[in-house]
């Protein structure tokens, strides 16, 4: 998959990977399926939760030569909230042109449609729907 998504432009390559994952994976929180939060669930079974999507993006992107990190935090605009109005969530950070940006493949997978709402966004936009410990990670571009 990494070689199929290759491009000289890092942003285009990231988008190719993003799109390939959205086409291949179906979001699932199926109880008892522990591989749904891994690359195995995402790439081999085609079913994953946010951990699986993020793990797959990290693996494929890294194999393609991109500088990618995981980011764990809370979703503040999710379909399933806990009592505090948030849900644990995982997404990725990517370094493009010497600045860090956010990519949330899970939320961009809209079933039959791929959206780019959470693709290549900076801290200001990301913080509207995602919360993370900024002291424990790279600084996102504005």
N, C-alpha and C. Protein backbone atom coordinates (compact mmCIF):
# COMPACT_ATOMS: atom_id res chain seq x y z
N UNK A 1 0.83 -1.19 0.00
CA UNK A 1 0.00 0.00 0.00
C UNK A 1 0.88 1.25 0.00
N UNK A 2 1.96 1.22 0.79
CA UNK A 2 2.86 2.38 0.85
C UNK A 2 3.40 2.72 -0.53
N UNK A 3 3.85 1.72 -1.28
CA UNK A 3 4.40 1.99 -2.61
C UNK A 3 3.32 2.43 -3.59
N UNK A 4 2.10 1.94 -3.43
CA UNK A 4 0.99 2.36 -4.28
C UNK A 4 0.61 3.82 -4.06
N UNK A 5 0.88 4.33 -2.86
CA UNK A 5 0.49 5.70 -2.50
C UNK A 5 1.61 6.71 -2.69
N UNK A 6 2.78 6.25 -3.10
CA UNK A 6 3.94 7.14 -3.21
C UNK A 6 3.70 8.30 -4.16
N UNK A 7 4.30 9.42 -3.83
CA UNK A 7 4.27 10.62 -4.64
C UNK A 7 5.45 11.48 -4.22
N UNK A 8 5.97 12.28 -5.11
CA UNK A 8 7.09 13.16 -4.75
C UNK A 8 6.68 14.21 -3.74
N UNK A 9 5.43 14.61 -3.77
CA UNK A 9 4.92 15.62 -2.85
C UNK A 9 4.38 14.92 -1.59
N UNK A 10 4.90 15.28 -0.43
CA UNK A 10 4.51 14.63 0.83
C UNK A 10 3.03 14.79 1.14
N UNK A 11 2.46 15.96 0.87
CA UNK A 11 1.05 16.18 1.15
C UNK A 11 0.18 15.28 0.26
N UNK A 12 0.54 15.17 -1.01
CA UNK A 12 -0.20 14.30 -1.92
C UNK A 12 -0.09 12.84 -1.48
N UNK A 13 1.10 12.44 -1.05
CA UNK A 13 1.29 11.07 -0.58
C UNK A 13 0.44 10.82 0.67
N UNK A 14 0.41 11.76 1.60
CA UNK A 14 -0.41 11.61 2.80
C UNK A 14 -1.89 11.49 2.42
N UNK A 15 -2.31 12.28 1.46
CA UNK A 15 -3.71 12.22 1.01
C UNK A 15 -4.00 10.87 0.34
N UNK A 16 -3.07 10.37 -0.44
CA UNK A 16 -3.25 9.06 -1.07
C UNK A 16 -3.42 7.96 -0.02
N UNK A 17 -2.61 8.02 1.04
CA UNK A 17 -2.71 7.03 2.12
C UNK A 17 -4.04 7.19 2.85
N UNK A 18 -4.37 8.41 3.19
CA UNK A 18 -5.64 8.75 3.84
C UNK A 18 -6.80 8.15 3.06
N UNK A 19 -6.83 8.38 1.75
CA UNK A 19 -7.93 7.91 0.91
C UNK A 19 -7.96 6.38 0.82
N UNK A 20 -6.78 5.77 0.67
CA UNK A 20 -6.71 4.31 0.59
C UNK A 20 -7.25 3.66 1.86
N UNK A 21 -6.92 4.24 3.01
CA UNK A 21 -7.41 3.71 4.28
C UNK A 21 -8.92 3.91 4.41
N UNK A 22 -9.42 5.07 4.02
CA UNK A 22 -10.86 5.31 4.09
C UNK A 22 -11.62 4.33 3.20
N UNK A 23 -11.06 3.99 2.05
CA UNK A 23 -11.73 3.03 1.15
C UNK A 23 -11.67 1.60 1.69
N UNK A 24 -10.61 1.27 2.42
CA UNK A 24 -10.37 -0.11 2.84
C UNK A 24 -11.00 -0.45 4.20
N UNK A 25 -11.15 0.53 5.09
CA UNK A 25 -11.56 0.26 6.47
C UNK A 25 -12.99 0.69 6.73
N UNK A 26 -13.69 -0.10 7.53
CA UNK A 26 -15.01 0.26 8.04
C UNK A 26 -14.87 0.45 9.54
N UNK A 27 -15.43 1.55 10.04
CA UNK A 27 -15.34 1.83 11.48
C UNK A 27 -16.11 0.77 12.26
N UNK A 28 -15.50 0.26 13.33
CA UNK A 28 -16.12 -0.77 14.15
C UNK A 28 -15.66 -0.66 15.60
N UNK A 29 -16.60 -0.80 16.50
CA UNK A 29 -16.28 -0.91 17.92
C UNK A 29 -16.81 -2.23 18.45
N UNK A 30 -16.82 -3.22 17.60
CA UNK A 30 -17.35 -4.54 17.91
C UNK A 30 -16.71 -5.11 19.17
N UNK A 31 -17.54 -5.44 20.14
CA UNK A 31 -17.06 -6.01 21.40
C UNK A 31 -16.37 -7.35 21.17
N UNK A 32 -15.31 -7.60 21.93
CA UNK A 32 -14.60 -8.86 21.85
C UNK A 32 -13.60 -8.96 20.73
N UNK A 33 -13.52 -7.96 19.88
CA UNK A 33 -12.56 -7.96 18.77
C UNK A 33 -11.39 -7.06 19.16
N UNK A 34 -10.34 -7.66 19.72
CA UNK A 34 -9.22 -6.85 20.19
C UNK A 34 -8.35 -6.34 19.06
N UNK A 35 -8.41 -6.95 17.88
CA UNK A 35 -7.56 -6.48 16.80
C UNK A 35 -8.13 -5.27 16.07
N UNK A 36 -9.33 -4.82 16.47
CA UNK A 36 -9.91 -3.65 15.82
C UNK A 36 -9.13 -2.38 16.12
N UNK A 37 -8.30 -2.41 17.17
CA UNK A 37 -7.51 -1.23 17.50
C UNK A 37 -6.05 -1.39 17.10
N UNK A 38 -5.82 -2.18 16.06
CA UNK A 38 -4.46 -2.40 15.55
C UNK A 38 -4.45 -2.32 14.03
N UNK A 39 -3.26 -2.30 13.48
CA UNK A 39 -3.11 -2.36 12.03
C UNK A 39 -3.69 -3.65 11.48
N UNK A 40 -3.60 -4.74 12.23
CA UNK A 40 -4.16 -6.02 11.79
C UNK A 40 -5.64 -5.88 11.51
N UNK A 41 -6.37 -5.33 12.46
CA UNK A 41 -7.80 -5.13 12.25
C UNK A 41 -8.09 -4.22 11.08
N UNK A 42 -7.33 -3.15 10.98
CA UNK A 42 -7.56 -2.17 9.92
C UNK A 42 -7.23 -2.71 8.54
N UNK A 43 -6.03 -3.24 8.38
CA UNK A 43 -5.57 -3.62 7.04
C UNK A 43 -5.94 -5.04 6.64
N UNK A 44 -5.97 -5.97 7.58
CA UNK A 44 -6.27 -7.35 7.21
C UNK A 44 -7.76 -7.68 7.31
N UNK A 45 -8.41 -7.17 8.36
CA UNK A 45 -9.83 -7.44 8.54
C UNK A 45 -10.72 -6.37 7.92
N UNK A 46 -10.16 -5.18 7.69
CA UNK A 46 -10.94 -4.08 7.13
C UNK A 46 -11.92 -3.46 8.10
N UNK A 47 -11.72 -3.71 9.40
CA UNK A 47 -12.60 -3.16 10.44
C UNK A 47 -11.71 -2.64 11.56
N UNK A 48 -11.96 -1.42 12.01
CA UNK A 48 -11.10 -0.86 13.05
C UNK A 48 -11.81 0.29 13.76
N UNK A 49 -11.32 0.59 14.97
CA UNK A 49 -11.74 1.79 15.67
C UNK A 49 -10.66 2.85 15.41
N UNK A 50 -10.71 3.95 16.13
CA UNK A 50 -9.76 5.04 15.89
C UNK A 50 -8.31 4.62 16.10
N UNK A 51 -8.06 3.72 17.05
CA UNK A 51 -6.70 3.23 17.26
C UNK A 51 -6.19 2.50 16.03
N UNK A 52 -7.03 1.67 15.44
CA UNK A 52 -6.65 0.91 14.25
C UNK A 52 -6.40 1.81 13.05
N UNK A 53 -7.28 2.80 12.84
CA UNK A 53 -7.07 3.75 11.75
C UNK A 53 -5.73 4.48 11.94
N UNK A 54 -5.49 4.97 13.15
CA UNK A 54 -4.26 5.72 13.43
C UNK A 54 -3.03 4.84 13.29
N UNK A 55 -3.12 3.61 13.77
CA UNK A 55 -2.02 2.67 13.67
C UNK A 55 -1.70 2.38 12.20
N UNK A 56 -2.73 2.17 11.39
CA UNK A 56 -2.53 1.89 9.97
C UNK A 56 -1.93 3.10 9.25
N UNK A 57 -2.42 4.31 9.56
CA UNK A 57 -1.87 5.51 8.92
C UNK A 57 -0.40 5.69 9.31
N UNK A 58 -0.10 5.43 10.57
CA UNK A 58 1.29 5.53 11.04
C UNK A 58 2.18 4.53 10.29
N UNK A 59 1.76 3.28 10.21
CA UNK A 59 2.56 2.24 9.57
C UNK A 59 2.77 2.54 8.08
N UNK A 60 1.70 2.74 7.36
CA UNK A 60 1.80 2.95 5.91
C UNK A 60 2.56 4.24 5.62
N UNK A 61 2.26 5.30 6.35
CA UNK A 61 2.95 6.57 6.14
C UNK A 61 4.43 6.50 6.44
N UNK A 62 4.79 5.83 7.52
CA UNK A 62 6.19 5.67 7.87
C UNK A 62 6.93 4.85 6.82
N UNK A 63 6.30 3.77 6.36
CA UNK A 63 6.91 2.96 5.30
C UNK A 63 7.09 3.76 4.01
N UNK A 64 6.23 4.72 3.78
CA UNK A 64 6.33 5.58 2.60
C UNK A 64 7.33 6.71 2.79
N UNK A 65 7.89 6.84 4.00
CA UNK A 65 8.91 7.86 4.25
C UNK A 65 8.42 9.13 4.89
N UNK A 66 7.18 9.17 5.34
CA UNK A 66 6.65 10.36 6.00
C UNK A 66 6.97 10.33 7.49
N UNK A 67 7.05 11.51 8.10
CA UNK A 67 7.29 11.63 9.54
C UNK A 67 5.93 11.79 10.22
N UNK A 68 5.48 10.71 10.86
CA UNK A 68 4.14 10.65 11.44
C UNK A 68 4.24 10.24 12.90
N UNK A 69 3.32 10.78 13.71
CA UNK A 69 3.22 10.42 15.12
C UNK A 69 1.77 10.12 15.45
N UNK A 70 1.59 9.43 16.57
CA UNK A 70 0.25 9.21 17.12
C UNK A 70 -0.08 10.37 18.04
N UNK A 71 -1.37 10.64 18.19
CA UNK A 71 -1.81 11.59 19.21
C UNK A 71 -3.04 11.01 19.89
N UNK A 72 -2.95 10.83 21.18
CA UNK A 72 -4.08 10.35 21.96
C UNK A 72 -4.66 11.55 22.72
N UNK A 73 -5.95 11.57 22.82
CA UNK A 73 -6.61 12.65 23.54
C UNK A 73 -8.09 12.37 23.67
N UNK A 74 -8.88 13.42 23.57
CA UNK A 74 -10.32 13.30 23.70
C UNK A 74 -11.00 13.96 22.51
N UNK A 75 -12.06 13.34 22.08
CA UNK A 75 -12.93 13.93 21.07
C UNK A 75 -14.01 14.69 21.80
N UNK A 76 -14.24 15.92 21.41
CA UNK A 76 -15.26 16.72 22.09
C UNK A 76 -16.48 16.93 21.21
N UNK A 77 -16.50 16.27 20.07
CA UNK A 77 -17.64 16.36 19.16
C UNK A 77 -17.86 14.98 18.55
N UNK A 78 -18.11 14.00 19.39
CA UNK A 78 -18.24 12.61 18.92
C UNK A 78 -19.66 12.10 19.11
N UNK A 79 -19.99 11.06 18.41
CA UNK A 79 -21.32 10.47 18.51
C UNK A 79 -21.52 9.75 19.84
N UNK A 80 -20.43 9.39 20.49
CA UNK A 80 -20.54 8.67 21.75
C UNK A 80 -19.69 9.40 22.80
N UNK A 81 -20.34 9.95 23.79
CA UNK A 81 -19.67 10.68 24.85
C UNK A 81 -19.71 9.88 26.14
N UNK A 82 -18.77 10.18 27.03
CA UNK A 82 -18.89 9.66 28.38
C UNK A 82 -19.66 10.69 29.22
N UNK A 83 -19.71 10.50 30.50
CA UNK A 83 -20.47 11.40 31.36
C UNK A 83 -19.94 12.84 31.33
N UNK A 84 -18.67 13.01 31.02
CA UNK A 84 -18.06 14.34 31.00
C UNK A 84 -18.26 15.04 29.66
N UNK A 85 -18.92 14.37 28.69
CA UNK A 85 -19.14 15.00 27.40
C UNK A 85 -17.98 14.84 26.44
N UNK A 86 -17.09 13.89 26.70
CA UNK A 86 -15.95 13.64 25.81
C UNK A 86 -15.83 12.13 25.58
N UNK A 87 -15.00 11.76 24.63
CA UNK A 87 -14.70 10.35 24.37
C UNK A 87 -13.21 10.24 24.10
N UNK A 88 -12.58 9.18 24.60
CA UNK A 88 -11.18 8.96 24.28
C UNK A 88 -11.06 8.78 22.78
N UNK A 89 -9.97 9.29 22.22
CA UNK A 89 -9.82 9.25 20.77
C UNK A 89 -8.34 9.22 20.41
N UNK A 90 -8.04 8.75 19.21
CA UNK A 90 -6.67 8.73 18.71
C UNK A 90 -6.66 9.19 17.26
N UNK A 91 -5.63 9.95 16.91
CA UNK A 91 -5.45 10.45 15.55
C UNK A 91 -3.97 10.57 15.28
N UNK A 92 -3.58 11.18 14.16
CA UNK A 92 -2.17 11.29 13.81
C UNK A 92 -1.74 12.73 13.63
N UNK A 93 -0.43 12.92 13.80
CA UNK A 93 0.23 14.18 13.48
C UNK A 93 1.22 13.88 12.37
N UNK A 94 1.39 14.81 11.47
CA UNK A 94 2.31 14.62 10.35
C UNK A 94 3.14 15.88 10.16
N UNK A 95 4.41 15.69 9.88
CA UNK A 95 5.29 16.82 9.62
C UNK A 95 5.32 17.07 8.12
N UNK A 96 4.88 18.26 7.73
CA UNK A 96 4.87 18.68 6.33
C UNK A 96 5.53 20.04 6.23
N UNK A 97 6.57 20.14 5.42
CA UNK A 97 7.28 21.40 5.21
C UNK A 97 7.68 22.05 6.53
N UNK A 98 8.26 21.25 7.40
CA UNK A 98 8.83 21.69 8.68
C UNK A 98 7.82 22.21 9.68
N UNK A 99 6.55 21.83 9.52
CA UNK A 99 5.55 22.14 10.55
C UNK A 99 4.65 20.91 10.74
N UNK A 100 4.10 20.81 11.93
CA UNK A 100 3.27 19.67 12.28
C UNK A 100 1.80 20.00 12.09
N UNK A 101 1.06 19.06 11.51
CA UNK A 101 -0.36 19.20 11.24
C UNK A 101 -1.09 17.96 11.75
N UNK A 102 -2.40 18.04 11.83
CA UNK A 102 -3.21 16.92 12.31
C UNK A 102 -3.93 16.26 11.15
N UNK A 103 -4.04 14.92 11.23
CA UNK A 103 -4.87 14.14 10.31
C UNK A 103 -5.67 13.14 11.13
N UNK A 104 -6.98 13.18 11.00
CA UNK A 104 -7.85 12.23 11.69
C UNK A 104 -8.58 11.42 10.62
N UNK A 105 -7.97 10.31 10.22
CA UNK A 105 -8.54 9.47 9.16
C UNK A 105 -9.88 8.90 9.60
N UNK A 106 -10.01 8.55 10.86
CA UNK A 106 -11.26 7.96 11.36
C UNK A 106 -12.45 8.87 11.06
N UNK A 107 -12.33 10.12 11.42
CA UNK A 107 -13.45 11.04 11.24
C UNK A 107 -13.65 11.44 9.78
N UNK A 108 -12.63 11.30 8.95
CA UNK A 108 -12.77 11.62 7.53
C UNK A 108 -13.36 10.46 6.74
N UNK A 109 -13.50 9.30 7.34
CA UNK A 109 -14.12 8.16 6.68
C UNK A 109 -15.63 8.23 6.90
N UNK A 110 -16.33 8.76 5.93
CA UNK A 110 -17.78 8.94 6.04
C UNK A 110 -18.54 7.84 5.31
N UNK A 111 -18.01 6.63 5.35
CA UNK A 111 -18.69 5.50 4.69
C UNK A 111 -18.44 5.50 3.20
N UNK A 112 -19.46 5.83 2.43
CA UNK A 112 -19.33 5.85 0.97
C UNK A 112 -18.60 7.08 0.46
N UNK A 113 -18.36 8.03 1.34
CA UNK A 113 -17.73 9.29 0.95
C UNK A 113 -16.49 9.54 1.80
N UNK A 114 -15.45 10.09 1.18
CA UNK A 114 -14.26 10.50 1.91
C UNK A 114 -14.33 12.02 2.04
N UNK A 115 -14.19 12.49 3.26
CA UNK A 115 -14.17 13.94 3.48
C UNK A 115 -12.77 14.35 3.94
N UNK A 116 -12.51 15.63 3.95
CA UNK A 116 -11.18 16.14 4.32
C UNK A 116 -11.29 17.20 5.42
N UNK A 117 -12.30 17.06 6.25
CA UNK A 117 -12.54 18.02 7.33
C UNK A 117 -11.39 18.02 8.33
N UNK A 118 -10.83 16.84 8.60
CA UNK A 118 -9.76 16.72 9.59
C UNK A 118 -8.46 16.27 8.94
N UNK A 119 -8.20 16.76 7.74
CA UNK A 119 -6.99 16.43 7.00
C UNK A 119 -6.11 17.67 6.90
N UNK A 120 -4.88 17.57 7.42
CA UNK A 120 -3.89 18.65 7.29
C UNK A 120 -4.37 19.94 7.95
N UNK A 121 -4.83 19.83 9.19
CA UNK A 121 -5.28 21.04 9.87
C UNK A 121 -4.34 21.41 11.02
N UNK A 122 -4.37 22.66 11.38
CA UNK A 122 -3.52 23.18 12.43
C UNK A 122 -4.20 23.17 13.78
N UNK A 123 -3.50 23.69 14.77
CA UNK A 123 -3.96 23.65 16.16
C UNK A 123 -5.27 24.38 16.38
N UNK A 124 -5.43 25.53 15.75
CA UNK A 124 -6.64 26.33 15.98
C UNK A 124 -7.90 25.56 15.57
N UNK A 125 -7.87 24.96 14.39
CA UNK A 125 -9.02 24.19 13.91
C UNK A 125 -9.17 22.88 14.68
N UNK A 126 -8.06 22.19 14.92
CA UNK A 126 -8.08 20.90 15.61
C UNK A 126 -8.65 21.03 17.02
N UNK A 127 -8.33 22.11 17.70
CA UNK A 127 -8.75 22.26 19.09
C UNK A 127 -10.26 22.47 19.25
N UNK A 128 -10.96 22.71 18.16
CA UNK A 128 -12.42 22.86 18.23
C UNK A 128 -13.10 21.52 18.51
N UNK A 129 -12.47 20.41 18.11
CA UNK A 129 -13.11 19.10 18.25
C UNK A 129 -12.22 18.07 18.95
N UNK A 130 -10.96 18.39 19.17
CA UNK A 130 -10.01 17.46 19.77
C UNK A 130 -9.28 18.14 20.92
N UNK A 131 -9.05 17.39 21.98
CA UNK A 131 -8.26 17.90 23.11
C UNK A 131 -7.09 16.96 23.35
N UNK A 132 -5.93 17.54 23.66
CA UNK A 132 -4.73 16.75 23.92
C UNK A 132 -3.83 17.53 24.84
N UNK A 133 -2.89 16.84 25.46
CA UNK A 133 -1.93 17.48 26.34
C UNK A 133 -0.83 18.09 25.47
N UNK A 134 -0.90 19.38 25.27
CA UNK A 134 0.04 20.06 24.37
C UNK A 134 1.47 20.02 24.87
N UNK A 135 1.67 19.84 26.18
CA UNK A 135 3.01 19.77 26.73
C UNK A 135 3.68 18.43 26.44
N UNK A 136 2.90 17.43 26.04
CA UNK A 136 3.44 16.08 25.83
C UNK A 136 3.58 15.73 24.35
N UNK A 137 3.55 16.71 23.47
CA UNK A 137 3.61 16.42 22.04
C UNK A 137 4.29 17.54 21.29
N UNK A 138 4.41 17.37 19.99
CA UNK A 138 4.98 18.42 19.14
C UNK A 138 3.98 19.56 19.05
N UNK A 139 4.48 20.73 18.72
CA UNK A 139 3.61 21.90 18.59
C UNK A 139 3.03 21.92 17.18
N UNK A 140 1.69 21.97 17.10
CA UNK A 140 1.03 22.03 15.82
C UNK A 140 1.10 23.44 15.24
N UNK A 141 1.17 23.51 13.92
CA UNK A 141 1.09 24.80 13.24
C UNK A 141 -0.27 25.41 13.56
N UNK A 142 -0.37 26.72 13.50
CA UNK A 142 -1.63 27.38 13.79
C UNK A 142 -2.58 27.10 12.69
